[in-house]
Amino acid sequence: MTKLTKEISNLTSMLKGIEKDLGIDDLNPTESYIFLMIISEIEQSGQCTMLKAVEVANKSRSTVYKTIRKLVEKSILQIKTSSDDKRSFLLIPTI
């Protein structure tokens, strides 16, 4: 095993452990990816709207919205109306 593949393996194990600790280890790979992209956008820019989630996830709008609904049902995300633009909905992580 090369150093790079060992590091990738270690990162994968760490991520799986974090997902289990957060109670999101039952998400399928697409749902997990969308959630991670939402979290990444929030960390980079301070917020993530539903439309921005579609953009950063690079998935279909229906797939992202269905995933967001699932994450809301599992109390992992909340959706709040933006105070700046009432047409915009912000995604707020609850974990």
C-alpha atoms as a PDB file:
ATOM      1  CA  MET A   1       0.000   0.000   0.000  1.00  0.00           C
ATOM      2  CA  THR A   2       1.385   3.409  -0.909  1.00  0.00           C
ATOM      3  CA  LYS A   3       1.433   6.325   1.489  1.00  0.00           C
ATOM      4  CA  LEU A   4      -1.363   8.032  -0.451  1.00  0.00           C
ATOM      5  CA  THR A   5      -3.670   5.003  -0.459  1.00  0.00           C
ATOM      6  CA  LYS A   6      -3.026   4.483   3.254  1.00  0.00           C
ATOM      7  CA  GLU A   7      -3.983   8.115   3.963  1.00  0.00           C
ATOM      8  CA  ILE A   8      -7.146   7.768   1.860  1.00  0.00           C
ATOM      9  CA  SER A   9      -8.030   4.604   3.741  1.00  0.00           C
ATOM     10  CA  ASN A  10      -7.474   6.336   7.102  1.00  0.00           C
ATOM     11  CA  LEU A  11      -9.608   9.329   6.045  1.00  0.00           C
ATOM     12  CA  THR A  12     -12.390   7.020   4.905  1.00  0.00           C
ATOM     13  CA  SER A  13     -12.356   5.200   8.239  1.00  0.00           C
ATOM     14  CA  MET A  14     -12.391   8.492  10.145  1.00  0.00           C
ATOM     15  CA  LEU A  15     -15.308   9.820   8.080  1.00  0.00           C
ATOM     16  CA  LYS A  16     -17.305   6.622   8.607  1.00  0.00           C
ATOM     17  CA  GLY A  17     -16.681   6.900  12.364  1.00  0.00           C
ATOM     18  CA  ILE A  18     -17.837  10.520  12.426  1.00  0.00           C
ATOM     19  CA  GLU A  19     -20.953   9.647  10.424  1.00  0.00           C
ATOM     20  CA  LYS A  20     -21.756   6.901  12.934  1.00  0.00           C
ATOM     21  CA  ASP A  21     -21.205   9.256  15.895  1.00  0.00           C
ATOM     22  CA  LEU A  22     -23.532  11.839  14.303  1.00  0.00           C
ATOM     23  CA  GLY A  23     -26.183   9.225  13.538  1.00  0.00           C
ATOM     24  CA  ILE A  24     -26.010   9.737   9.789  1.00  0.00           C
ATOM     25  CA  ASP A  25     -24.377   6.445   8.870  1.00  0.00           C
ATOM     26  CA  ASP A  26     -27.651   5.212   7.354  1.00  0.00           C
ATOM     27  CA  LEU A  27     -27.534   7.785   4.545  1.00  0.00           C
ATOM     28  CA  ASN A  28     -26.813   6.442   1.098  1.00  0.00           C
ATOM     29  CA  PRO A  29     -23.655   7.707  -0.662  1.00  0.00           C
ATOM     30  CA  THR A  30     -25.521  10.401  -2.635  1.00  0.00           C
ATOM     31  CA  GLU A  31     -27.289  11.703   0.475  1.00  0.00           C
ATOM     32  CA  SER A  32     -24.048  11.698   2.444  1.00  0.00           C
ATOM     33  CA  TYR A  33     -22.272  13.586  -0.356  1.00  0.00           C
ATOM     34  CA  ILE A  34     -25.026  16.226  -0.568  1.00  0.00           C
ATOM     35  CA  PHE A  35     -24.944  16.722   3.205  1.00  0.00           C
ATOM     36  CA  LEU A  36     -21.155  17.106   3.165  1.00  0.00           C
ATOM     37  CA  MET A  37     -21.380  19.652   0.323  1.00  0.00           C
ATOM     38  CA  ILE A  38     -23.972  21.662   2.283  1.00  0.00           C
ATOM     39  CA  ILE A  39     -21.755  21.645   5.381  1.00  0.00           C
ATOM     40  CA  SER A  40     -18.733  22.617   3.294  1.00  0.00           C
ATOM     41  CA  GLU A  41     -20.597  25.563   1.751  1.00  0.00           C
ATOM     42  CA  ILE A  42     -21.707  26.750   5.192  1.00  0.00           C
ATOM     43  CA  GLU A  43     -18.127  26.602   6.458  1.00  0.00           C
ATOM     44  CA  GLN A  44     -16.776  28.465   3.415  1.00  0.00           C
ATOM     45  CA  SER A  45     -19.367  31.204   3.009  1.00  0.00           C
ATOM     46  CA  GLY A  46     -21.284  31.243   6.286  1.00  0.00           C
ATOM     47  CA  GLN A  47     -24.564  30.011   4.822  1.00  0.00           C
ATOM     48  CA  CYS A  48     -26.122  27.668   2.290  1.00  0.00           C
ATOM     49  CA  THR A  49     -29.436  28.232   0.554  1.00  0.00           C
ATOM     50  CA  MET A  50     -31.438  25.453  -1.025  1.00  0.00           C
ATOM     51  CA  LEU A  51     -30.534  26.755  -4.492  1.00  0.00           C
ATOM     52  CA  LYS A  52     -26.845  26.926  -3.572  1.00  0.00           C
ATOM     53  CA  ALA A  53     -27.058  23.322  -2.324  1.00  0.00           C
ATOM     54  CA  VAL A  54     -28.154  22.235  -5.813  1.00  0.00           C
ATOM     55  CA  GLU A  55     -25.229  24.140  -7.316  1.00  0.00           C
ATOM     56  CA  VAL A  56     -22.495  22.859  -4.990  1.00  0.00           C
ATOM     57  CA  ALA A  57     -23.752  19.267  -4.987  1.00  0.00           C
ATOM     58  CA  ASN A  58     -23.855  19.218  -8.787  1.00  0.00           C
ATOM     59  CA  LYS A  59     -26.867  16.893  -8.660  1.00  0.00           C
ATOM     60  CA  SER A  60     -30.382  17.291  -9.999  1.00  0.00           C
ATOM     61  CA  ARG A  61     -32.668  19.668  -8.162  1.00  0.00           C
ATOM     62  CA  SER A  62     -35.097  16.853  -7.353  1.00  0.00           C
ATOM     63  CA  THR A  63     -32.323  14.687  -5.861  1.00  0.00           C
ATOM     64  CA  VAL A  64     -31.010  17.523  -3.685  1.00  0.00           C
ATOM     65  CA  TYR A  65     -34.482  18.608  -2.525  1.00  0.00           C
ATOM     66  CA  LYS A  66     -35.472  15.001  -1.736  1.00  0.00           C
ATOM     67  CA  THR A  67     -32.269  14.610   0.286  1.00  0.00           C
ATOM     68  CA  ILE A  68     -32.874  17.890   2.120  1.00  0.00           C
ATOM     69  CA  ARG A  69     -36.390  16.718   3.044  1.00  0.00           C
ATOM     70  CA  LYS A  70     -34.931  13.456   4.380  1.00  0.00           C
ATOM     71  CA  LEU A  71     -32.311  15.343   6.419  1.00  0.00           C
ATOM     72  CA  VAL A  72     -35.021  17.621   7.831  1.00  0.00           C
ATOM     73  CA  GLU A  73     -37.160  14.587   8.774  1.00  0.00           C
ATOM     74  CA  LYS A  74     -34.150  13.083  10.569  1.00  0.00           C
ATOM     75  CA  SER A  75     -33.593  16.422  12.402  1.00  0.00           C
ATOM     76  CA  ILE A  76     -30.165  16.833  10.805  1.00  0.00           C
ATOM     77  CA  LEU A  77     -31.065  20.050   8.975  1.00  0.00           C
ATOM     78  CA  GLN A  78     -33.589  22.832   9.415  1.00  0.00           C
ATOM     79  CA  ILE A  79     -34.940  25.113   6.703  1.00  0.00           C
ATOM     80  CA  LYS A  80     -35.390  28.767   7.604  1.00  0.00           C
ATOM     81  CA  THR A  81     -36.512  31.714   5.538  1.00  0.00           C
ATOM     82  CA  SER A  82     -33.685  34.187   4.982  1.00  0.00           C
ATOM     83  CA  SER A  83     -34.121  37.505   6.754  1.00  0.00           C
ATOM     84  CA  ASP A  84     -32.393  39.222   3.806  1.00  0.00           C
ATOM     85  CA  ASP A  85     -34.554  37.715   1.043  1.00  0.00           C
ATOM     86  CA  LYS A  86     -37.909  36.166   1.935  1.00  0.00           C
ATOM     87  CA  ARG A  87     -37.750  34.076  -1.285  1.00  0.00           C
ATOM     88  CA  SER A  88     -34.558  32.387  -0.150  1.00  0.00           C
ATOM     89  CA  PHE A  89     -34.426  29.410   2.222  1.00  0.00           C
ATOM     90  CA  LEU A  90     -31.358  28.762   4.366  1.00  0.00           C
ATOM     91  CA  LEU A  91     -30.205  25.317   5.442  1.00  0.00           C
ATOM     92  CA  ILE A  92     -29.199  25.147   9.092  1.00  0.00           C
ATOM     93  CA  PRO A  93     -27.445  22.036  10.454  1.00  0.00           C
ATOM     94  CA  THR A  94     -28.755  20.836  13.812  1.00  0.00           C
ATOM     95  CA  ILE A  95     -25.973  18.385  14.602  1.00  0.00           C
END
